[in-house]
Amino acid sequence: MEKKSSPQKEPEYIAIANRLKSLRKEKGYKNYEHIAYDLEMSRSAYWRLEQGVNFEIKTLIKICKLLKVSLAEFFKEIDLPE
Protein backbone atom coordinates (compact mmCIF):
# COMPACT_ATOMS: atom_id res chain seq x y z
CA MET A 1 0.00 0.00 0.00
CA GLU A 2 1.41 3.39 -1.00
CA LYS A 3 1.84 5.98 1.75
CA LYS A 4 0.16 9.32 1.09
CA SER A 5 2.45 12.32 1.33
CA SER A 6 1.26 15.25 3.39
CA PRO A 7 0.42 18.34 1.38
CA GLN A 8 3.11 21.01 1.14
CA LYS A 9 2.28 23.95 3.38
CA GLU A 10 2.48 27.46 2.00
CA PRO A 11 5.59 29.36 3.18
CA GLU A 12 3.34 32.20 4.35
CA TYR A 13 1.42 29.81 6.61
CA ILE A 14 4.68 28.55 8.09
CA ALA A 15 5.82 32.13 8.76
CA ILE A 16 2.55 32.85 10.59
CA ALA A 17 2.79 29.58 12.52
CA ASN A 18 6.32 30.43 13.62
CA ARG A 19 5.16 33.87 14.78
CA LEU A 20 2.33 32.27 16.79
CA LYS A 21 4.79 29.95 18.51
CA SER A 22 7.25 32.77 19.20
CA LEU A 23 4.58 35.07 20.65
CA ARG A 24 3.16 32.26 22.77
CA LYS A 25 6.55 31.70 24.37
CA GLU A 26 7.24 35.46 24.76
CA LYS A 27 3.96 35.84 26.65
CA GLY A 28 4.86 33.07 29.11
CA TYR A 29 3.05 30.07 27.66
CA LYS A 30 5.69 27.36 27.87
CA ASN A 31 3.59 24.83 25.97
CA TYR A 32 0.69 24.97 23.58
CA GLU A 33 -1.67 23.07 25.88
CA HIS A 34 -1.98 26.04 28.25
CA ILE A 35 -2.78 28.60 25.57
CA ALA A 36 -5.23 26.19 23.96
CA TYR A 37 -7.03 25.95 27.31
CA ASP A 38 -7.17 29.76 27.69
CA LEU A 39 -8.46 30.08 24.12
CA GLU A 40 -11.07 27.40 24.81
CA MET A 41 -9.71 25.31 21.93
CA SER A 42 -8.72 21.69 21.85
CA ARG A 43 -5.01 21.05 22.18
CA SER A 44 -4.92 19.43 18.77
CA ALA A 45 -6.68 22.40 17.14
CA TYR A 46 -4.14 24.86 18.53
CA TRP A 47 -1.23 22.54 17.71
CA ARG A 48 -2.34 22.54 14.07
CA LEU A 49 -2.14 26.36 14.03
CA GLU A 50 1.51 26.20 15.07
CA GLN A 51 2.11 23.62 12.35
CA GLY A 52 1.05 25.97 9.56
CA VAL A 53 -2.51 24.86 8.90
CA ASN A 54 -4.74 27.49 7.29
CA PHE A 55 -7.22 29.00 9.75
CA GLU A 56 -9.81 31.75 10.02
CA ILE A 57 -8.91 35.36 10.76
CA LYS A 58 -11.32 35.34 13.72
CA THR A 59 -9.05 32.76 15.36
CA LEU A 60 -6.02 35.02 14.89
CA ILE A 61 -7.93 37.96 16.36
CA LYS A 62 -8.90 35.86 19.39
CA ILE A 63 -5.25 34.84 19.91
CA CYS A 64 -4.02 38.43 19.55
CA LYS A 65 -6.57 39.64 22.11
CA LEU A 66 -5.49 36.97 24.60
CA LEU A 67 -1.81 37.81 24.10
CA LYS A 68 -2.53 41.56 24.12
CA VAL A 69 -0.92 42.06 20.71
CA SER A 70 -2.41 44.11 17.88
CA LEU A 71 -2.69 42.64 14.41
CA ALA A 72 -0.12 45.22 13.26
CA GLU A 73 2.32 44.03 15.95
CA PHE A 74 1.66 40.42 15.03
CA PHE A 75 2.42 40.89 11.34
CA LYS A 76 5.29 43.34 11.91
CA GLU A 77 7.64 40.46 12.77
CA ILE A 78 6.70 38.33 9.76
CA ASP A 79 8.79 38.40 6.62
CA LEU A 80 6.67 36.76 3.98
CA PRO A 81 8.62 34.85 1.35
CA GLU A 82 8.64 36.22 -2.19
PDB file of N, CA and C in Angstrom:
ATOM      1  N   MET A   1       0.837  -1.179   0.000  1.00  0.00           N
ATOM      2  CA  MET A   1       0.000   0.000   0.000  1.00  0.00           C
ATOM      3  C   MET A   1       0.884   1.245   0.000  1.00  0.00           C
ATOM      4  N   GLU A   2       0.598   2.190  -0.867  1.00  0.00           N
ATOM      5  CA  GLU A   2       1.406   3.392  -1.003  1.00  0.00           C
ATOM      6  C   GLU A   2       1.032   4.405   0.076  1.00  0.00           C
ATOM      7  N   LYS A   3       2.060   4.988   0.704  1.00  0.00           N
ATOM      8  CA  LYS A   3       1.838   5.978   1.752  1.00  0.00           C
ATOM      9  C   LYS A   3       1.541   7.333   1.118  1.00  0.00           C
ATOM     10  N   LYS A   4       0.505   8.006   1.606  1.00  0.00           N
ATOM     11  CA  LYS A   4       0.162   9.324   1.093  1.00  0.00           C
ATOM     12  C   LYS A   4       1.132  10.344   1.669  1.00  0.00           C
ATOM     13  N   SER A   5       1.584  11.262   0.828  1.00  0.00           N
ATOM     14  CA  SER A   5       2.451  12.321   1.334  1.00  0.00           C
ATOM     15  C   SER A   5       1.566  13.464   1.828  1.00  0.00           C
ATOM     16  N   SER A   6       2.038  14.135   2.875  1.00  0.00           N
ATOM     17  CA  SER A   6       1.257  15.252   3.391  1.00  0.00           C
ATOM     18  C   SER A   6       1.412  16.433   2.440  1.00  0.00           C
ATOM     19  N   PRO A   7       0.353  17.228   2.305  1.00  0.00           N
ATOM     20  CA  PRO A   7       0.418  18.344   1.377  1.00  0.00           C
ATOM     21  C   PRO A   7       1.465  19.370   1.826  1.00  0.00           C
ATOM     22  N   GLN A   8       2.111  19.983   0.855  1.00  0.00           N
ATOM     23  CA  GLN A   8       3.110  21.011   1.143  1.00  0.00           C
ATOM     24  C   GLN A   8       2.392  22.234   1.693  1.00  0.00           C
ATOM     25  N   LYS A   9       2.885  22.761   2.794  1.00  0.00           N
ATOM     26  CA  LYS A   9       2.275  23.952   3.384  1.00  0.00           C
ATOM     27  C   LYS A   9       2.865  25.194   2.730  1.00  0.00           C
ATOM     28  N   GLU A  10       2.039  26.198   2.582  1.00  0.00           N
ATOM     29  CA  GLU A  10       2.476  27.461   2.002  1.00  0.00           C
ATOM     30  C   GLU A  10       3.516  28.106   2.913  1.00  0.00           C
ATOM     31  N   PRO A  11       4.568  28.706   2.354  1.00  0.00           N
ATOM     32  CA  PRO A  11       5.594  29.355   3.185  1.00  0.00           C
ATOM     33  C   PRO A  11       5.014  30.467   4.062  1.00  0.00           C
ATOM     34  N   GLU A  12       3.982  31.148   3.555  1.00  0.00           N
ATOM     35  CA  GLU A  12       3.343  32.201   4.351  1.00  0.00           C
ATOM     36  C   GLU A  12       2.677  31.620   5.593  1.00  0.00           C
ATOM     37  N   TYR A  13       2.072  30.450   5.464  1.00  0.00           N
ATOM     38  CA  TYR A  13       1.424  29.807   6.609  1.00  0.00           C
ATOM     39  C   TYR A  13       2.466  29.405   7.652  1.00  0.00           C
ATOM     40  N   ILE A  14       3.606  28.933   7.177  1.00  0.00           N
ATOM     41  CA  ILE A  14       4.683  28.546   8.088  1.00  0.00           C
ATOM     42  C   ILE A  14       5.215  29.772   8.819  1.00  0.00           C
ATOM     43  N   ALA A  15       5.353  30.899   8.126  1.00  0.00           N
ATOM     44  CA  ALA A  15       5.822  32.135   8.758  1.00  0.00           C
ATOM     45  C   ALA A  15       4.849  32.575   9.857  1.00  0.00           C
ATOM     46  N   ILE A  16       3.562  32.488   9.592  1.00  0.00           N
ATOM     47  CA  ILE A  16       2.549  32.849  10.590  1.00  0.00           C
ATOM     48  C   ILE A  16       2.583  31.866  11.757  1.00  0.00           C
ATOM     49  N   ALA A  17       2.722  30.597  11.464  1.00  0.00           N
ATOM     50  CA  ALA A  17       2.791  29.580  12.521  1.00  0.00           C
ATOM     51  C   ALA A  17       3.994  29.819  13.418  1.00  0.00           C
ATOM     52  N   ASN A  18       5.129  30.154  12.831  1.00  0.00           N
ATOM     53  CA  ASN A  18       6.322  30.431  13.624  1.00  0.00           C
ATOM     54  C   ASN A  18       6.139  31.658  14.501  1.00  0.00           C
ATOM     55  N   ARG A  19       5.448  32.664  13.984  1.00  0.00           N
ATOM     56  CA  ARG A  19       5.161  33.875  14.775  1.00  0.00           C
ATOM     57  C   ARG A  19       4.234  33.531  15.937  1.00  0.00           C
ATOM     58  N   LEU A  20       3.224  32.697  15.707  1.00  0.00           N
ATOM     59  CA  LEU A  20       2.334  32.271  16.786  1.00  0.00           C
ATOM     60  C   LEU A  20       3.131  31.601  17.905  1.00  0.00           C
ATOM     61  N   LYS A  21       3.992  30.688  17.531  1.00  0.00           N
ATOM     62  CA  LYS A  21       4.788  29.954  18.514  1.00  0.00           C
ATOM     63  C   LYS A  21       5.709  30.900  19.279  1.00  0.00           C
ATOM     64  N   SER A  22       6.348  31.799  18.574  1.00  0.00           N
ATOM     65  CA  SER A  22       7.253  32.765  19.200  1.00  0.00           C
ATOM     66  C   SER A  22       6.516  33.663  20.194  1.00  0.00           C
ATOM     67  N   LEU A  23       5.374  34.205  19.771  1.00  0.00           N
ATOM     68  CA  LEU A  23       4.579  35.067  20.654  1.00  0.00           C
ATOM     69  C   LEU A  23       4.071  34.307  21.871  1.00  0.00           C
ATOM     70  N   ARG A  24       3.640  33.076  21.651  1.00  0.00           N
ATOM     71  CA  ARG A  24       3.158  32.264  22.769  1.00  0.00           C
ATOM     72  C   ARG A  24       4.234  32.150  23.835  1.00  0.00           C
ATOM     73  N   LYS A  25       5.444  31.862  23.422  1.00  0.00           N
ATOM     74  CA  LYS A  25       6.546  31.704  24.373  1.00  0.00           C
ATOM     75  C   LYS A  25       6.923  33.030  25.019  1.00  0.00           C
ATOM     76  N   GLU A  26       6.940  34.125  24.222  1.00  0.00           N
ATOM     77  CA  GLU A  26       7.237  35.459  24.759  1.00  0.00           C
ATOM     78  C   GLU A  26       6.263  35.848  25.867  1.00  0.00           C
ATOM     79  N   LYS A  27       5.004  35.456  25.698  1.00  0.00           N
ATOM     80  CA  LYS A  27       3.959  35.838  26.648  1.00  0.00           C
ATOM     81  C   LYS A  27       3.852  34.870  27.829  1.00  0.00           C
ATOM     82  N   GLY A  28       4.795  33.930  27.932  1.00  0.00           N
ATOM     83  CA  GLY A  28       4.858  33.071  29.109  1.00  0.00           C
ATOM     84  C   GLY A  28       4.173  31.726  29.005  1.00  0.00           C
ATOM     85  N   TYR A  29       3.665  31.379  27.845  1.00  0.00           N
ATOM     86  CA  TYR A  29       3.047  30.067  27.664  1.00  0.00           C
ATOM     87  C   TYR A  29       4.140  29.096  27.233  1.00  0.00           C
ATOM     88  N   LYS A  30       4.591  28.267  28.159  1.00  0.00           N
ATOM     89  CA  LYS A  30       5.694  27.357  27.866  1.00  0.00           C
ATOM     90  C   LYS A  30       5.295  26.239  26.905  1.00  0.00           C
ATOM     91  N   ASN A  31       4.031  25.856  26.909  1.00  0.00           N
ATOM     92  CA  ASN A  31       3.591  24.833  25.966  1.00  0.00           C
ATOM     93  C   ASN A  31       2.224  25.204  25.393  1.00  0.00           C
ATOM     94  N   TYR A  32       1.913  24.594  24.299  1.00  0.00           N
ATOM     95  CA  TYR A  32       0.692  24.966  23.581  1.00  0.00           C
ATOM     96  C   TYR A  32      -0.579  24.512  24.292  1.00  0.00           C
ATOM     97  N   GLU A  33      -0.474  23.539  25.188  1.00  0.00           N
ATOM     98  CA  GLU A  33      -1.672  23.067  25.879  1.00  0.00           C
ATOM     99  C   GLU A  33      -2.297  24.174  26.732  1.00  0.00           C
ATOM    100  N   HIS A  34      -1.459  24.988  27.369  1.00  0.00           N
ATOM    101  CA  HIS A  34      -1.978  26.036  28.248  1.00  0.00           C
ATOM    102  C   HIS A  34      -2.688  27.144  27.471  1.00  0.00           C
ATOM    103  N   ILE A  35      -2.110  27.561  26.358  1.00  0.00           N
ATOM    104  CA  ILE A  35      -2.777  28.603  25.572  1.00  0.00           C
ATOM    105  C   ILE A  35      -4.055  28.051  24.934  1.00  0.00           C
ATOM    106  N   ALA A  36      -4.018  26.805  24.527  1.00  0.00           N
ATOM    107  CA  ALA A  36      -5.226  26.188  23.961  1.00  0.00           C
ATOM    108  C   ALA A  36      -6.355  26.224  24.990  1.00  0.00           C
ATOM    109  N   TYR A  37      -6.026  25.923  26.236  1.00  0.00           N
ATOM    110  CA  TYR A  37      -7.031  25.946  27.308  1.00  0.00           C
ATOM    111  C   TYR A  37      -7.593  27.366  27.459  1.00  0.00           C
ATOM    112  N   ASP A  38      -6.712  28.375  27.519  1.00  0.00           N
ATOM    113  CA  ASP A  38      -7.165  29.757  27.692  1.00  0.00           C
ATOM    114  C   ASP A  38      -7.977  30.255  26.498  1.00  0.00           C
ATOM    115  N   LEU A  39      -7.709  29.707  25.308  1.00  0.00           N
ATOM    116  CA  LEU A  39      -8.465  30.084  24.116  1.00  0.00           C
ATOM    117  C   LEU A  39      -9.744  29.262  23.954  1.00  0.00           C
ATOM    118  N   GLU A  40      -9.939  28.312  24.853  1.00  0.00           N
ATOM    119  CA  GLU A  40     -11.075  27.398  24.808  1.00  0.00           C
ATOM    120  C   GLU A  40     -11.089  26.610  23.498  1.00  0.00           C
ATOM    121  N   MET A  41      -9.893  26.138  23.119  1.00  0.00           N
ATOM    122  CA  MET A  41      -9.709  25.315  21.931  1.00  0.00           C
ATOM    123  C   MET A  41      -9.180  23.961  22.377  1.00  0.00           C
ATOM    124  N   SER A  42      -9.341  22.975  21.543  1.00  0.00           N
ATOM    125  CA  SER A  42      -8.720  21.693  21.854  1.00  0.00           C
ATOM    126  C   SER A  42      -7.213  21.841  21.640  1.00  0.00           C
ATOM    127  N   ARG A  43      -6.464  21.014  22.333  1.00  0.00           N
ATOM    128  CA  ARG A  43      -5.006  21.051  22.181  1.00  0.00           C
ATOM    129  C   ARG A  43      -4.606  20.757  20.740  1.00  0.00           C
ATOM    130  N   SER A  44      -5.275  19.793  20.143  1.00  0.00           N
ATOM    131  CA  SER A  44      -4.917  19.427  18.767  1.00  0.00           C
ATOM    132  C   SER A  44      -5.239  20.551  17.781  1.00  0.00           C
ATOM    133  N   ALA A  45      -6.320  21.287  18.026  1.00  0.00           N
ATOM    134  CA  ALA A  45      -6.683  22.398  17.135  1.00  0.00           C
ATOM    135  C   ALA A  45      -5.617  23.491  17.202  1.00  0.00           C
ATOM    136  N   TYR A  46      -5.173  23.825  18.418  1.00  0.00           N
ATOM    137  CA  TYR A  46      -4.144  24.857  18.529  1.00  0.00           C
ATOM    138  C   TYR A  46      -2.815  24.355  17.956  1.00  0.00           C
ATOM    139  N   TRP A  47      -2.479  23.107  18.216  1.00  0.00           N
ATOM    140  CA  TRP A  47      -1.230  22.538  17.706  1.00  0.00           C
ATOM    141  C   TRP A  47      -1.170  22.667  16.185  1.00  0.00           C
ATOM    142  N   ARG A  48      -2.298  22.429  15.526  1.00  0.00           N
ATOM    143  CA  ARG A  48      -2.338  22.544  14.068  1.00  0.00           C
ATOM    144  C   ARG A  48      -2.016  23.969  13.612  1.00  0.00           C
ATOM    145  N   LEU A  49      -2.452  24.972  14.382  1.00  0.00           N
ATOM    146  CA  LEU A  49      -2.141  26.360  14.027  1.00  0.00           C
ATOM    147  C   LEU A  49      -0.635  26.584  14.000  1.00  0.00           C
ATOM    148  N   GLU A  50       0.056  26.034  15.001  1.00  0.00           N
ATOM    149  CA  GLU A  50       1.506  26.199  15.074  1.00  0.00           C
ATOM    150  C   GLU A  50       2.246  25.305  14.084  1.00  0.00           C
ATOM    151  N   GLN A  51       1.518  24.469  13.380  1.00  0.00           N
ATOM    152  CA  GLN A  51       2.112  23.623  12.346  1.00  0.00           C
ATOM    153  C   GLN A  51       1.905  24.188  10.944  1.00  0.00           C
ATOM    154  N   GLY A  52       1.217  25.321  10.848  1.00  0.00           N
ATOM    155  CA  GLY A  52       1.045  25.971   9.557  1.00  0.00           C
ATOM    156  C   GLY A  52      -0.218  25.630   8.811  1.00  0.00           C
ATOM    157  N   VAL A  53      -1.233  25.154   9.530  1.00  0.00           N
ATOM    158  CA  VAL A  53      -2.511  24.861   8.895  1.00  0.00           C
ATOM    159  C   VAL A  53      -3.266  26.176   8.699  1.00  0.00           C
ATOM    160  N   ASN A  54      -3.939  26.306   7.571  1.00  0.00           N
ATOM    161  CA  ASN A  54      -4.737  27.491   7.292  1.00  0.00           C
ATOM    162  C   ASN A  54      -5.866  27.595   8.319  1.00  0.00           C
ATOM    163  N   PHE A  55      -6.138  28.814   8.782  1.00  0.00           N
ATOM    164  CA  PHE A  55      -7.215  29.001   9.753  1.00  0.00           C
ATOM    165  C   PHE A  55      -7.895  30.340   9.530  1.00  0.00           C
ATOM    166  N   GLU A  56      -9.004  30.547  10.210  1.00  0.00           N
ATOM    167  CA  GLU A  56      -9.811  31.749  10.018  1.00  0.00           C
ATOM    168  C   GLU A  56      -9.214  32.942  10.743  1.00  0.00           C
ATOM    169  N   ILE A  57      -9.436  34.124  10.181  1.00  0.00           N
ATOM    170  CA  ILE A  57      -8.912  35.359  10.761  1.00  0.00           C
ATOM    171  C   ILE A  57      -9.498  35.600  12.156  1.00  0.00           C
ATOM    172  N   LYS A  58     -10.729  35.145  12.390  1.00  0.00           N
ATOM    173  CA  LYS A  58     -11.320  35.342  13.721  1.00  0.00           C
ATOM    174  C   LYS A  58     -10.520  34.595  14.782  1.00  0.00           C
ATOM    175  N   THR A  59      -9.893  33.501  14.419  1.00  0.00           N
ATOM    176  CA  THR A  59      -9.046  32.761  15.356  1.00  0.00           C
ATOM    177  C   THR A  59      -7.800  33.567  15.673  1.00  0.00           C
ATOM    178  N   LEU A  60      -7.198  34.182  14.666  1.00  0.00           N
ATOM    179  CA  LEU A  60      -6.019  35.015  14.892  1.00  0.00           C
ATOM    180  C   LEU A  60      -6.368  36.211  15.774  1.00  0.00           C
ATOM    181  N   ILE A  61      -7.501  36.824  15.540  1.00  0.00           N
ATOM    182  CA  ILE A  61      -7.934  37.960  16.361  1.00  0.00           C
ATOM    183  C   ILE A  61      -8.110  37.530  17.817  1.00  0.00           C
ATOM    184  N   LYS A  62      -8.708  36.385  18.034  1.00  0.00           N
ATOM    185  CA  LYS A  62      -8.897  35.859  19.389  1.00  0.00           C
ATOM    186  C   LYS A  62      -7.539  35.634  20.079  1.00  0.00           C
ATOM    187  N   ILE A  63      -6.585  35.085  19.349  1.00  0.00           N
ATOM    188  CA  ILE A  63      -5.248  34.844  19.906  1.00  0.00           C
ATOM    189  C   ILE A  63      -4.566  36.172  20.232  1.00  0.00           C
ATOM    190  N   CYS A  64      -4.641  37.131  19.319  1.00  0.00           N
ATOM    191  CA  CYS A  64      -4.019  38.435  19.553  1.00  0.00           C
ATOM    192  C   CYS A  64      -4.617  39.137  20.771  1.00  0.00           C
ATOM    193  N   LYS A  65      -5.920  39.038  20.941  1.00  0.00           N
ATOM    194  CA  LYS A  65      -6.565  39.638  22.115  1.00  0.00           C
ATOM    195  C   LYS A  65      -6.060  38.991  23.399  1.00  0.00           C
ATOM    196  N   LEU A  66      -5.975  37.675  23.416  1.00  0.00           N
ATOM    197  CA  LEU A  66      -5.492  36.969  24.602  1.00  0.00           C
ATOM    198  C   LEU A  66      -4.052  37.370  24.926  1.00  0.00           C
ATOM    199  N   LEU A  67      -3.217  37.488  23.899  1.00  0.00           N
ATOM    200  CA  LEU A  67      -1.806  37.810  24.102  1.00  0.00           C
ATOM    201  C   LEU A  67      -1.549  39.316  24.207  1.00  0.00           C
ATOM    202  N   LYS A  68      -2.619  40.105  24.056  1.00  0.00           N
ATOM    203  CA  LYS A  68      -2.534  41.564  24.115  1.00  0.00           C
ATOM    204  C   LYS A  68      -1.544  42.111  23.085  1.00  0.00           C
ATOM    205  N   VAL A  69      -1.748  41.664  21.846  1.00  0.00           N
ATOM    206  CA  VAL A  69      -0.924  42.063  20.711  1.00  0.00           C
ATOM    207  C   VAL A  69      -1.867  42.516  19.598  1.00  0.00           C
ATOM    208  N   SER A  70      -1.578  43.656  18.997  1.00  0.00           N
ATOM    209  CA  SER A  70      -2.409  44.106  17.875  1.00  0.00           C
ATOM    210  C   SER A  70      -2.068  43.288  16.632  1.00  0.00           C
ATOM    211  N   LEU A  71      -2.964  43.323  15.669  1.00  0.00           N
ATOM    212  CA  LEU A  71      -2.685  42.636  14.407  1.00  0.00           C
ATOM    213  C   LEU A  71      -1.448  43.240  13.733  1.00  0.00           C
ATOM    214  N   ALA A  72      -1.300  44.568  13.843  1.00  0.00           N
ATOM    215  CA  ALA A  72      -0.119  45.219  13.262  1.00  0.00           C
ATOM    216  C   ALA A  72       1.156  44.698  13.919  1.00  0.00           C
ATOM    217  N   GLU A  73       1.143  44.571  15.248  1.00  0.00           N
ATOM    218  CA  GLU A  73       2.315  44.030  15.946  1.00  0.00           C
ATOM    219  C   GLU A  73       2.572  42.585  15.541  1.00  0.00           C
ATOM    220  N   PHE A  74       1.508  41.818  15.406  1.00  0.00           N
ATOM    221  CA  PHE A  74       1.661  40.417  15.030  1.00  0.00           C
ATOM    222  C   PHE A  74       2.361  40.299  13.685  1.00  0.00           C
ATOM    223  N   PHE A  75       1.877  41.025  12.692  1.00  0.00           N
ATOM    224  CA  PHE A  75       2.417  40.887  11.343  1.00  0.00           C
ATOM    225  C   PHE A  75       3.730  41.642  11.145  1.00  0.00           C
ATOM    226  N   LYS A  76       4.052  42.566  12.033  1.00  0.00           N
ATOM    227  CA  LYS A  76       5.287  43.343  11.909  1.00  0.00           C
ATOM    228  C   LYS A  76       6.528  42.440  11.893  1.00  0.00           C
ATOM    229  N   GLU A  77       6.489  41.369  12.644  1.00  0.00           N
ATOM    230  CA  GLU A  77       7.637  40.464  12.773  1.00  0.00           C
ATOM    231  C   GLU A  77       7.696  39.370  11.710  1.00  0.00           C
ATOM    232  N   ILE A  78       6.770  39.389  10.767  1.00  0.00           N
ATOM    233  CA  ILE A  78       6.704  38.330   9.761  1.00  0.00           C
ATOM    234  C   ILE A  78       7.265  38.835   8.436  1.00  0.00           C
ATOM    235  N   ASP A  79       8.272  38.137   7.955  1.00  0.00           N
ATOM    236  CA  ASP A  79       8.794  38.398   6.616  1.00  0.00           C
ATOM    237  C   ASP A  79       8.227  37.329   5.701  1.00  0.00           C
ATOM    238  N   LEU A  80       7.283  37.724   4.880  1.00  0.00           N
ATOM    239  CA  LEU A  80       6.670  36.758   3.978  1.00  0.00           C
ATOM    240  C   LEU A  80       7.623  36.474   2.821  1.00  0.00           C
ATOM    241  N   PRO A  81       7.753  35.205   2.483  1.00  0.00           N
ATOM    242  CA  PRO A  81       8.624  34.848   1.346  1.00  0.00           C
ATOM    243  C   PRO A  81       8.110  35.442   0.045  1.00  0.00           C
ATOM    244  N   GLU A  82       9.006  35.686  -0.868  1.00  0.00           N
ATOM    245  CA  GLU A  82       8.643  36.219  -2.187  1.00  0.00           C
ATOM    246  C   GLU A  82       7.884  35.198  -2.983  1.00  0.00           C
TER     247      GLU A  82
END
